[in-house]
PDB file of N, CA and C in Angstrom:
ATOM      1  N   MET A   1       0.845  -1.180   0.000  1.00  0.00           N
ATOM      2  CA  MET A   1       0.000   0.000   0.000  1.00  0.00           C
ATOM      3  C   MET A   1       0.892   1.246   0.000  1.00  0.00           C
ATOM      4  N   ALA A   2       0.580   2.170  -0.877  1.00  0.00           N
ATOM      5  CA  ALA A   2       1.360   3.404  -0.964  1.00  0.00           C
ATOM      6  C   ALA A   2       1.104   4.291   0.250  1.00  0.00           C
ATOM      7  N   LEU A   3       2.159   4.968   0.679  1.00  0.00           N
ATOM      8  CA  LEU A   3       2.033   5.897   1.799  1.00  0.00           C
ATOM      9  C   LEU A   3       1.503   7.238   1.308  1.00  0.00           C
ATOM     10  N   GLY A   4       0.729   7.905   2.160  1.00  0.00           N
ATOM     11  CA  GLY A   4       0.264   9.242   1.840  1.00  0.00           C
ATOM     12  C   GLY A   4       1.367  10.257   2.102  1.00  0.00           C
ATOM     13  N   LEU A   5       1.214  11.430   1.528  1.00  0.00           N
ATOM     14  CA  LEU A   5       2.220  12.484   1.664  1.00  0.00           C
ATOM     15  C   LEU A   5       2.447  12.860   3.128  1.00  0.00           C
ATOM     16  N   ASN A   6       1.385  12.932   3.928  1.00  0.00           N
ATOM     17  CA  ASN A   6       1.547  13.284   5.343  1.00  0.00           C
ATOM     18  C   ASN A   6       2.359  12.234   6.105  1.00  0.00           C
ATOM     19  N   GLU A   7       2.131  10.959   5.799  1.00  0.00           N
ATOM     20  CA  GLU A   7       2.896   9.884   6.439  1.00  0.00           C
ATOM     21  C   GLU A   7       4.372   9.981   6.053  1.00  0.00           C
ATOM     22  N   ILE A   8       4.638  10.240   4.785  1.00  0.00           N
ATOM     23  CA  ILE A   8       6.026  10.385   4.336  1.00  0.00           C
ATOM     24  C   ILE A   8       6.678  11.573   5.032  1.00  0.00           C
ATOM     25  N   LYS A   9       5.967  12.682   5.142  1.00  0.00           N
ATOM     26  CA  LYS A   9       6.516  13.859   5.827  1.00  0.00           C
ATOM     27  C   LYS A   9       6.839  13.550   7.283  1.00  0.00           C
ATOM     28  N   GLU A  10       5.951  12.842   7.975  1.00  0.00           N
ATOM     29  CA  GLU A  10       6.198  12.475   9.373  1.00  0.00           C
ATOM     30  C   GLU A  10       7.404  11.555   9.495  1.00  0.00           C
ATOM     31  N   ARG A  11       7.481  10.569   8.615  1.00  0.00           N
ATOM     32  CA  ARG A  11       8.622   9.646   8.629  1.00  0.00           C
ATOM     33  C   ARG A  11       9.924  10.387   8.321  1.00  0.00           C
ATOM     34  N   ALA A  12       9.879  11.294   7.357  1.00  0.00           N
ATOM     35  CA  ALA A  12      11.078  12.049   6.988  1.00  0.00           C
ATOM     36  C   ALA A  12      11.550  12.924   8.147  1.00  0.00           C
ATOM     37  N   SER A  13      10.618  13.534   8.839  1.00  0.00           N
ATOM     38  CA  SER A  13      10.973  14.364   9.990  1.00  0.00           C
ATOM     39  C   SER A  13      11.626  13.526  11.087  1.00  0.00           C
ATOM     40  N   SER A  14      11.036  12.384  11.393  1.00  0.00           N
ATOM     41  CA  SER A  14      11.615  11.481  12.402  1.00  0.00           C
ATOM     42  C   SER A  14      12.988  10.988  11.975  1.00  0.00           C
ATOM     43  N   PHE A  15      13.107  10.637  10.700  1.00  0.00           N
ATOM     44  CA  PHE A  15      14.376  10.152  10.159  1.00  0.00           C
ATOM     45  C   PHE A  15      15.466  11.213  10.305  1.00  0.00           C
ATOM     46  N   SER A  16      15.162  12.446   9.927  1.00  0.00           N
ATOM     47  CA  SER A  16      16.175  13.504   9.993  1.00  0.00           C
ATOM     48  C   SER A  16      16.608  13.782  11.427  1.00  0.00           C
ATOM     49  N   LYS A  17      15.688  13.707  12.354  1.00  0.00           N
ATOM     50  CA  LYS A  17      16.046  13.903  13.765  1.00  0.00           C
ATOM     51  C   LYS A  17      16.911  12.763  14.274  1.00  0.00           C
ATOM     52  N   GLU A  18      16.556  11.543  13.876  1.00  0.00           N
ATOM     53  CA  GLU A  18      17.329  10.370  14.317  1.00  0.00           C
ATOM     54  C   GLU A  18      18.765  10.408  13.810  1.00  0.00           C
ATOM     55  N   TRP A  19      18.981  10.909  12.609  1.00  0.00           N
ATOM     56  CA  TRP A  19      20.287  10.839  11.967  1.00  0.00           C
ATOM     57  C   TRP A  19      21.085  12.139  11.989  1.00  0.00           C
ATOM     58  N   GLU A  20      20.588  13.181  12.629  1.00  0.00           N
ATOM     59  CA  GLU A  20      21.270  14.475  12.577  1.00  0.00           C
ATOM     60  C   GLU A  20      22.664  14.471  13.206  1.00  0.00           C
ATOM     61  N   THR A  21      22.966  13.524  14.077  1.00  0.00           N
ATOM     62  CA  THR A  21      24.286  13.492  14.731  1.00  0.00           C
ATOM     63  C   THR A  21      25.173  12.353  14.233  1.00  0.00           C
ATOM     64  N   ALA A  22      24.731  11.606  13.227  1.00  0.00           N
ATOM     65  CA  ALA A  22      25.533  10.490  12.709  1.00  0.00           C
ATOM     66  C   ALA A  22      26.794  11.020  12.040  1.00  0.00           C
ATOM     67  N   ILE A  23      27.920  10.344  12.272  1.00  0.00           N
ATOM     68  CA  ILE A  23      29.184  10.812  11.689  1.00  0.00           C
ATOM     69  C   ILE A  23      30.029   9.692  11.076  1.00  0.00           C
ATOM     70  N   SER A  24      29.718   8.425  11.357  1.00  0.00           N
ATOM     71  CA  SER A  24      30.598   7.335  10.954  1.00  0.00           C
ATOM     72  C   SER A  24      29.993   6.467   9.857  1.00  0.00           C
ATOM     73  N   GLU A  25      30.692   6.375   8.737  1.00  0.00           N
ATOM     74  CA  GLU A  25      30.256   5.508   7.640  1.00  0.00           C
ATOM     75  C   GLU A  25      30.155   4.060   8.109  1.00  0.00           C
ATOM     76  N   ASN A  26      31.209   3.559   8.739  1.00  0.00           N
ATOM     77  CA  ASN A  26      31.231   2.154   9.138  1.00  0.00           C
ATOM     78  C   ASN A  26      30.116   1.802  10.116  1.00  0.00           C
ATOM     79  N   ALA A  27      29.843   2.684  11.031  1.00  0.00           N
ATOM     80  CA  ALA A  27      28.835   2.400  12.054  1.00  0.00           C
ATOM     81  C   ALA A  27      27.409   2.628  11.558  1.00  0.00           C
ATOM     82  N   ASP A  28      27.219   3.511  10.591  1.00  0.00           N
ATOM     83  CA  ASP A  28      25.872   3.982  10.292  1.00  0.00           C
ATOM     84  C   ASP A  28      25.342   3.771   8.880  1.00  0.00           C
ATOM     85  N   ALA A  29      26.171   3.534   7.903  1.00  0.00           N
ATOM     86  CA  ALA A  29      25.719   3.579   6.506  1.00  0.00           C
ATOM     87  C   ALA A  29      24.548   2.648   6.214  1.00  0.00           C
ATOM     88  N   LYS A  30      24.660   1.399   6.576  1.00  0.00           N
ATOM     89  CA  LYS A  30      23.600   0.452   6.214  1.00  0.00           C
ATOM     90  C   LYS A  30      22.276   0.786   6.904  1.00  0.00           C
ATOM     91  N   SER A  31      22.326   1.099   8.168  1.00  0.00           N
ATOM     92  CA  SER A  31      21.100   1.467   8.893  1.00  0.00           C
ATOM     93  C   SER A  31      20.504   2.757   8.332  1.00  0.00           C
ATOM     94  N   PHE A  32      21.378   3.710   7.992  1.00  0.00           N
ATOM     95  CA  PHE A  32      20.916   4.972   7.414  1.00  0.00           C
ATOM     96  C   PHE A  32      20.103   4.717   6.146  1.00  0.00           C
ATOM     97  N   TRP A  33      20.663   3.941   5.226  1.00  0.00           N
ATOM     98  CA  TRP A  33      19.989   3.735   3.945  1.00  0.00           C
ATOM     99  C   TRP A  33      18.731   2.891   4.101  1.00  0.00           C
ATOM    100  N   ASP A  34      18.748   1.887   4.960  1.00  0.00           N
ATOM    101  CA  ASP A  34      17.521   1.130   5.228  1.00  0.00           C
ATOM    102  C   ASP A  34      16.443   2.073   5.758  1.00  0.00           C
ATOM    103  N   GLY A  35      16.821   2.956   6.675  1.00  0.00           N
ATOM    104  CA  GLY A  35      15.878   3.920   7.233  1.00  0.00           C
ATOM    105  C   GLY A  35      15.352   4.899   6.205  1.00  0.00           C
ATOM    106  N   LEU A  36      16.219   5.360   5.314  1.00  0.00           N
ATOM    107  CA  LEU A  36      15.779   6.303   4.287  1.00  0.00           C
ATOM    108  C   LEU A  36      14.775   5.653   3.341  1.00  0.00           C
ATOM    109  N   PHE A  37      15.040   4.442   2.919  1.00  0.00           N
ATOM    110  CA  PHE A  37      14.076   3.736   2.074  1.00  0.00           C
ATOM    111  C   PHE A  37      12.744   3.573   2.814  1.00  0.00           C
ATOM    112  N   ASN A  38      12.813   3.293   4.102  1.00  0.00           N
ATOM    113  CA  ASN A  38      11.612   3.105   4.908  1.00  0.00           C
ATOM    114  C   ASN A  38      10.763   4.380   4.980  1.00  0.00           C
ATOM    115  N   VAL A  39      11.397   5.544   4.913  1.00  0.00           N
ATOM    116  CA  VAL A  39      10.642   6.809   4.897  1.00  0.00           C
ATOM    117  C   VAL A  39       9.567   6.761   3.809  1.00  0.00           C
ATOM    118  N   PHE A  40       9.888   6.129   2.697  1.00  0.00           N
ATOM    119  CA  PHE A  40       8.974   6.063   1.552  1.00  0.00           C
ATOM    120  C   PHE A  40       8.192   4.747   1.492  1.00  0.00           C
ATOM    121  N   GLY A  41       8.341   3.930   2.545  1.00  0.00           N
ATOM    122  CA  GLY A  41       7.618   2.663   2.606  1.00  0.00           C
ATOM    123  C   GLY A  41       8.194   1.589   1.712  1.00  0.00           C
ATOM    124  N   VAL A  42       9.484   1.703   1.393  1.00  0.00           N
ATOM    125  CA  VAL A  42      10.147   0.746   0.512  1.00  0.00           C
ATOM    126  C   VAL A  42      11.102  -0.117   1.332  1.00  0.00           C
ATOM    127  N   ASN A  43      10.978  -1.419   1.168  1.00  0.00           N
ATOM    128  CA  ASN A  43      11.932  -2.333   1.786  1.00  0.00           C
ATOM    129  C   ASN A  43      13.181  -2.338   0.915  1.00  0.00           C
ATOM    130  N   ARG A  44      14.272  -1.782   1.420  1.00  0.00           N
ATOM    131  CA  ARG A  44      15.508  -1.656   0.644  1.00  0.00           C
ATOM    132  C   ARG A  44      15.942  -2.976   0.030  1.00  0.00           C
ATOM    133  N   ARG A  45      15.754  -4.075   0.729  1.00  0.00           N
ATOM    134  CA  ARG A  45      16.196  -5.378   0.228  1.00  0.00           C
ATOM    135  C   ARG A  45      15.478  -5.796  -1.052  1.00  0.00           C
ATOM    136  N   ARG A  46      14.317  -5.232  -1.312  1.00  0.00           N
ATOM    137  CA  ARG A  46      13.570  -5.558  -2.529  1.00  0.00           C
ATOM    138  C   ARG A  46      14.172  -4.905  -3.761  1.00  0.00           C
ATOM    139  N   VAL A  47      14.902  -3.787  -3.584  1.00  0.00           N
ATOM    140  CA  VAL A  47      15.356  -3.031  -4.747  1.00  0.00           C
ATOM    141  C   VAL A  47      16.863  -2.777  -4.795  1.00  0.00           C
ATOM    142  N   ALA A  48      17.534  -2.748  -3.659  1.00  0.00           N
ATOM    143  CA  ALA A  48      18.943  -2.331  -3.647  1.00  0.00           C
ATOM    144  C   ALA A  48      19.794  -3.280  -2.810  1.00  0.00           C
ATOM    145  N   THR A  49      21.082  -3.312  -3.150  1.00  0.00           N
ATOM    146  CA  THR A  49      22.050  -4.200  -2.512  1.00  0.00           C
ATOM    147  C   THR A  49      23.189  -3.393  -1.912  1.00  0.00           C
ATOM    148  N   PHE A  50      23.657  -3.823  -0.759  1.00  0.00           N
ATOM    149  CA  PHE A  50      24.857  -3.242  -0.161  1.00  0.00           C
ATOM    150  C   PHE A  50      26.089  -3.985  -0.664  1.00  0.00           C
ATOM    151  N   GLU A  51      27.198  -3.251  -0.799  1.00  0.00           N
ATOM    152  CA  GLU A  51      28.502  -3.824  -1.151  1.00  0.00           C
ATOM    153  C   GLU A  51      28.444  -4.671  -2.428  1.00  0.00           C
ATOM    154  N   TYR A  52      27.896  -4.077  -3.474  1.00  0.00           N
ATOM    155  CA  TYR A  52      27.780  -4.735  -4.771  1.00  0.00           C
ATOM    156  C   TYR A  52      29.161  -4.811  -5.430  1.00  0.00           C
ATOM    157  N   ARG A  53      29.605  -6.017  -5.751  1.00  0.00           N
ATOM    158  CA  ARG A  53      30.948  -6.249  -6.298  1.00  0.00           C
ATOM    159  C   ARG A  53      31.010  -5.832  -7.768  1.00  0.00           C
ATOM    160  N   VAL A  54      32.061  -5.059  -8.107  1.00  0.00           N
ATOM    161  CA  VAL A  54      32.267  -4.579  -9.469  1.00  0.00           C
ATOM    162  C   VAL A  54      33.731  -4.743  -9.844  1.00  0.00           C
ATOM    163  N   VAL A  55      33.970  -5.175 -11.085  1.00  0.00           N
ATOM    164  CA  VAL A  55      35.336  -5.195 -11.612  1.00  0.00           C
ATOM    165  C   VAL A  55      35.550  -3.863 -12.308  1.00  0.00           C
ATOM    166  N   LYS A  56      36.433  -3.037 -11.735  1.00  0.00           N
ATOM    167  CA  LYS A  56      36.708  -1.705 -12.263  1.00  0.00           C
ATOM    168  C   LYS A  56      37.775  -1.779 -13.342  1.00  0.00           C
ATOM    169  N   ALA A  57      38.052  -0.637 -13.965  1.00  0.00           N
ATOM    170  CA  ALA A  57      39.130  -0.559 -14.954  1.00  0.00           C
ATOM    171  C   ALA A  57      40.417  -1.063 -14.316  1.00  0.00           C
ATOM    172  N   GLY A  58      41.242  -1.721 -15.096  1.00  0.00           N
ATOM    173  CA  GLY A  58      42.482  -2.279 -14.566  1.00  0.00           C
ATOM    174  C   GLY A  58      42.236  -3.584 -13.817  1.00  0.00           C
ATOM    175  N   ARG A  59      41.025  -4.118 -13.947  1.00  0.00           N
ATOM    176  CA  ARG A  59      40.620  -5.387 -13.346  1.00  0.00           C
ATOM    177  C   ARG A  59      40.668  -5.393 -11.825  1.00  0.00           C
ATOM    178  N   LYS A  60      40.651  -4.214 -11.231  1.00  0.00           N
ATOM    179  CA  LYS A  60      40.602  -4.119  -9.772  1.00  0.00           C
ATOM    180  C   LYS A  60      39.165  -4.326  -9.311  1.00  0.00           C
ATOM    181  N   ILE A  61      39.023  -4.954  -8.163  1.00  0.00           N
ATOM    182  CA  ILE A  61      37.702  -5.209  -7.592  1.00  0.00           C
ATOM    183  C   ILE A  61      37.300  -4.037  -6.699  1.00  0.00           C
ATOM    184  N   GLY A  62      36.063  -3.617  -6.828  1.00  0.00           N
ATOM    185  CA  GLY A  62      35.513  -2.573  -5.975  1.00  0.00           C
ATOM    186  C   GLY A  62      34.147  -2.996  -5.471  1.00  0.00           C
ATOM    187  N   TYR A  63      33.667  -2.295  -4.467  1.00  0.00           N
ATOM    188  CA  TYR A  63      32.364  -2.607  -3.884  1.00  0.00           C
ATOM    189  C   TYR A  63      31.546  -1.328  -3.756  1.00  0.00           C
ATOM    190  N   ILE A  64      30.441  -1.284  -4.483  1.00  0.00           N
ATOM    191  CA  ILE A  64      29.549  -0.134  -4.422  1.00  0.00           C
ATOM    192  C   ILE A  64      28.817  -0.195  -3.085  1.00  0.00           C
ATOM    193  N   GLU A  65      28.848   0.906  -2.366  1.00  0.00           N
ATOM    194  CA  GLU A  65      28.220   0.969  -1.036  1.00  0.00           C
ATOM    195  C   GLU A  65      26.762   0.516  -1.072  1.00  0.00           C
ATOM    196  N   LEU A  66      25.980   1.141  -1.944  1.00  0.00           N
ATOM    197  CA  LEU A  66      24.577   0.767  -2.118  1.00  0.00           C
ATOM    198  C   LEU A  66      24.261   0.886  -3.596  1.00  0.00           C
ATOM    199  N   PHE A  67      23.633  -0.155  -4.150  1.00  0.00           N
ATOM    200  CA  PHE A  67      23.381  -0.166  -5.588  1.00  0.00           C
ATOM    201  C   PHE A  67      21.966  -0.648  -5.881  1.00  0.00           C
ATOM    202  N   TRP A  68      21.231   0.193  -6.612  1.00  0.00           N
ATOM    203  CA  TRP A  68      19.900  -0.121  -7.115  1.00  0.00           C
ATOM    204  C   TRP A  68      20.072  -0.102  -8.630  1.00  0.00           C
ATOM    205  N   LYS A  69      20.188  -1.276  -9.232  1.00  0.00           N
ATOM    206  CA  LYS A  69      20.502  -1.383 -10.652  1.00  0.00           C
ATOM    207  C   LYS A  69      19.597  -0.502 -11.503  1.00  0.00           C
ATOM    208  N   GLY A  70      20.242   0.275 -12.366  1.00  0.00           N
ATOM    209  CA  GLY A  70      19.529   1.134 -13.287  1.00  0.00           C
ATOM    210  C   GLY A  70      18.952   2.401 -12.666  1.00  0.00           C
ATOM    211  N   VAL A  71      19.082   2.539 -11.349  1.00  0.00           N
ATOM    212  CA  VAL A  71      18.463   3.680 -10.681  1.00  0.00           C
ATOM    213  C   VAL A  71      19.454   4.501  -9.861  1.00  0.00           C
ATOM    214  N   LEU A  72      20.140   3.863  -8.896  1.00  0.00           N
ATOM    215  CA  LEU A  72      20.926   4.628  -7.922  1.00  0.00           C
ATOM    216  C   LEU A  72      22.209   3.917  -7.529  1.00  0.00           C
ATOM    217  N   LEU A  73      23.296   4.680  -7.488  1.00  0.00           N
ATOM    218  CA  LEU A  73      24.580   4.219  -6.970  1.00  0.00           C
ATOM    219  C   LEU A  73      24.977   5.180  -5.857  1.00  0.00           C
ATOM    220  N   VAL A  74      25.331   4.632  -4.695  1.00  0.00           N
ATOM    221  CA  VAL A  74      25.673   5.454  -3.532  1.00  0.00           C
ATOM    222  C   VAL A  74      27.081   5.143  -3.065  1.00  0.00           C
ATOM    223  N   GLU A  75      27.847   6.173  -2.805  1.00  0.00           N
ATOM    224  CA  GLU A  75      29.139   6.041  -2.118  1.00  0.00           C
ATOM    225  C   GLU A  75      29.027   6.872  -0.850  1.00  0.00           C
ATOM    226  N   HIS A  76      28.926   6.205   0.261  1.00  0.00           N
ATOM    227  CA  HIS A  76      28.683   6.830   1.571  1.00  0.00           C
ATOM    228  C   HIS A  76      30.024   7.076   2.269  1.00  0.00           C
ATOM    229  N   LYS A  77      30.192   8.223   2.871  1.00  0.00           N
ATOM    230  CA  LYS A  77      31.427   8.556   3.579  1.00  0.00           C
ATOM    231  C   LYS A  77      31.118   9.145   4.948  1.00  0.00           C
ATOM    232  N   SER A  78      32.088   9.048   5.828  1.00  0.00           N
ATOM    233  CA  SER A  78      31.982   9.643   7.160  1.00  0.00           C
ATOM    234  C   SER A  78      32.126  11.154   7.076  1.00  0.00           C
ATOM    235  N   VAL A  79      31.633  11.830   8.090  1.00  0.00           N
ATOM    236  CA  VAL A  79      31.782  13.278   8.190  1.00  0.00           C
ATOM    237  C   VAL A  79      33.269  13.637   8.119  1.00  0.00           C
ATOM    238  N   GLY A  80      33.595  14.646   7.340  1.00  0.00           N
ATOM    239  CA  GLY A  80      34.971  15.125   7.239  1.00  0.00           C
ATOM    240  C   GLY A  80      35.784  14.473   6.136  1.00  0.00           C
ATOM    241  N   LYS A  81      35.275  13.423   5.511  1.00  0.00           N
ATOM    242  CA  LYS A  81      36.005  12.766   4.419  1.00  0.00           C
ATOM    243  C   LYS A  81      35.886  13.606   3.151  1.00  0.00           C
ATOM    244  N   ASN A  82      36.861  13.451   2.255  1.00  0.00           N
ATOM    245  CA  ASN A  82      36.920  14.213   1.021  1.00  0.00           C
ATOM    246  C   ASN A  82      35.819  13.765   0.065  1.00  0.00           C
ATOM    247  N   ILE A  83      34.864  14.637  -0.190  1.00  0.00           N
ATOM    248  CA  ILE A  83      33.721  14.305  -1.032  1.00  0.00           C
ATOM    249  C   ILE A  83      34.126  14.180  -2.502  1.00  0.00           C
ATOM    250  N   ASP A  84      35.175  14.892  -2.925  1.00  0.00           N
ATOM    251  CA  ASP A  84      35.662  14.748  -4.300  1.00  0.00           C
ATOM    252  C   ASP A  84      36.210  13.343  -4.527  1.00  0.00           C
ATOM    253  N   MET A  85      36.900  12.810  -3.546  1.00  0.00           N
ATOM    254  CA  MET A  85      37.410  11.437  -3.656  1.00  0.00           C
ATOM    255  C   MET A  85      36.256  10.442  -3.716  1.00  0.00           C
ATOM    256  N   ALA A  86      35.215  10.691  -2.946  1.00  0.00           N
ATOM    257  CA  ALA A  86      34.033   9.825  -2.962  1.00  0.00           C
ATOM    258  C   ALA A  86      33.369   9.874  -4.338  1.00  0.00           C
ATOM    259  N   TYR A  87      33.287  11.064  -4.910  1.00  0.00           N
ATOM    260  CA  TYR A  87      32.722  11.228  -6.253  1.00  0.00           C
ATOM    261  C   TYR A  87      33.536  10.415  -7.268  1.00  0.00           C
ATOM    262  N   ASN A  88      34.856  10.561  -7.228  1.00  0.00           N
ATOM    263  CA  ASN A  88      35.721   9.830  -8.162  1.00  0.00           C
ATOM    264  C   ASN A  88      35.586   8.327  -7.966  1.00  0.00           C
ATOM    265  N   GLN A  89      35.462   7.901  -6.728  1.00  0.00           N
ATOM    266  CA  GLN A  89      35.288   6.478  -6.435  1.00  0.00           C
ATOM    267  C   GLN A  89      33.985   5.979  -7.065  1.00  0.00           C
ATOM    268  N   ALA A  90      32.915   6.744  -6.932  1.00  0.00           N
ATOM    269  CA  ALA A  90      31.628   6.354  -7.509  1.00  0.00           C
ATOM    270  C   ALA A  90      31.717   6.251  -9.032  1.00  0.00           C
ATOM    271  N   VAL A  91      32.324   7.247  -9.667  1.00  0.00           N
ATOM    272  CA  VAL A  91      32.448   7.257 -11.126  1.00  0.00           C
ATOM    273  C   VAL A  91      33.320   6.096 -11.615  1.00  0.00           C
ATOM    274  N   ASP A  92      34.315   5.701 -10.836  1.00  0.00           N
ATOM    275  CA  ASP A  92      35.200   4.592 -11.213  1.00  0.00           C
ATOM    276  C   ASP A  92      34.463   3.261 -11.338  1.00  0.00           C
ATOM    277  N   TYR A  93      33.283   3.150 -10.752  1.00  0.00           N
ATOM    278  CA  TYR A  93      32.518   1.906 -10.848  1.00  0.00           C
ATOM    279  C   TYR A  93      31.807   1.762 -12.194  1.00  0.00           C
ATOM    280  N   PHE A  94      31.537   2.862 -12.873  1.00  0.00           N
ATOM    281  CA  PHE A  94      30.723   2.828 -14.075  1.00  0.00           C
ATOM    282  C   PHE A  94      31.234   1.872 -15.159  1.00  0.00           C
ATOM    283  N   PRO A  95      32.561   1.833 -15.465  1.00  0.00           N
ATOM    284  CA  PRO A  95      33.015   0.924 -16.519  1.00  0.00           C
ATOM    285  C   PRO A  95      32.730  -0.554 -16.217  1.00  0.00           C
ATOM    286  N   GLY A  96      32.577  -0.905 -14.966  1.00  0.00           N
ATOM    287  CA  GLY A  96      32.324  -2.296 -14.593  1.00  0.00           C
ATOM    288  C   GLY A  96      30.863  -2.689 -14.593  1.00  0.00           C
ATOM    289  N   LEU A  97      29.996  -1.765 -14.970  1.00  0.00           N
ATOM    290  CA  LEU A  97      28.561  -2.047 -14.983  1.00  0.00           C
ATOM    291  C   LEU A  97      28.077  -2.270 -16.407  1.00  0.00           C
ATOM    292  N   LYS A  98      27.089  -3.128 -16.553  1.00  0.00           N
ATOM    293  CA  LYS A  98      26.464  -3.353 -17.851  1.00  0.00           C
ATOM    294  C   LYS A  98      25.557  -2.166 -18.159  1.00  0.00           C
ATOM    295  N   GLY A  99      25.249  -1.973 -19.431  1.00  0.00           N
ATOM    296  CA  GLY A  99      24.442  -0.831 -19.853  1.00  0.00           C
ATOM    297  C   GLY A  99      23.138  -0.683 -19.093  1.00  0.00           C
ATOM    298  N   HIS A 100      22.418  -1.774 -18.903  1.00  0.00           N
ATOM    299  CA  HIS A 100      21.127  -1.692 -18.210  1.00  0.00           C
ATOM    300  C   HIS A 100      21.284  -1.463 -16.703  1.00  0.00           C
ATOM    301  N   GLU A 101      22.481  -1.672 -16.182  1.00  0.00           N
ATOM    302  CA  GLU A 101      22.732  -1.461 -14.761  1.00  0.00           C
ATOM    303  C   GLU A 101      23.122  -0.018 -14.428  1.00  0.00           C
ATOM    304  N   LEU A 102      23.576   0.723 -15.423  1.00  0.00           N
ATOM    305  CA  LEU A 102      24.046   2.089 -15.174  1.00  0.00           C
ATOM    306  C   LEU A 102      22.947   2.900 -14.483  1.00  0.00           C
ATOM    307  N   PRO A 103      23.303   3.560 -13.394  1.00  0.00           N
ATOM    308  CA  PRO A 103      22.282   4.289 -12.645  1.00  0.00           C
ATOM    309  C   PRO A 103      21.898   5.616 -13.297  1.00  0.00           C
ATOM    310  N   LYS A 104      20.650   6.003 -13.099  1.00  0.00           N
ATOM    311  CA  LYS A 104      20.203   7.324 -13.517  1.00  0.00           C
ATOM    312  C   LYS A 104      20.745   8.376 -12.577  1.00  0.00           C
ATOM    313  N   TYR A 105      20.965   7.989 -11.310  1.00  0.00           N
ATOM    314  CA  TYR A 105      21.406   8.915 -10.274  1.00  0.00           C
ATOM    315  C   TYR A 105      22.536   8.277  -9.475  1.00  0.00           C
ATOM    316  N   PHE A 106      23.406   9.140  -8.944  1.00  0.00           N
ATOM    317  CA  PHE A 106      24.318   8.645  -7.926  1.00  0.00           C
ATOM    318  C   PHE A 106      24.470   9.679  -6.849  1.00  0.00           C
ATOM    319  N   CYS A 107      24.800   9.204  -5.673  1.00  0.00           N
ATOM    320  CA  CYS A 107      24.835  10.046  -4.492  1.00  0.00           C
ATOM    321  C   CYS A 107      26.117   9.781  -3.720  1.00  0.00           C
ATOM    322  N   VAL A 108      26.821  10.838  -3.372  1.00  0.00           N
ATOM    323  CA  VAL A 108      27.997  10.705  -2.500  1.00  0.00           C
ATOM    324  C   VAL A 108      27.750  11.508  -1.242  1.00  0.00           C
TER     325      VAL A 108
END
């Protein structure tokens, strides 16, 4: 059943309050993304995978933090980490993805 706009707004408000002090990628990333999907009433496990294995250029192995094939690629970082490096890391995954897997959006 689809959530109404008011329910989504309430969930989003609660979510933002719960996560306003989060700072650690290792401690928080998976719970954060599960919670964000839940704001919209989506079970993350139905659509997206954590630590999706990709063979990058140069045959190096990489792991996409969160991947929703064809829709979203996420590279999550802790507070204070270099966001440009996170961006480059996310873009480095693209050559290892098939055409239909390439995301419409990515988030660092």
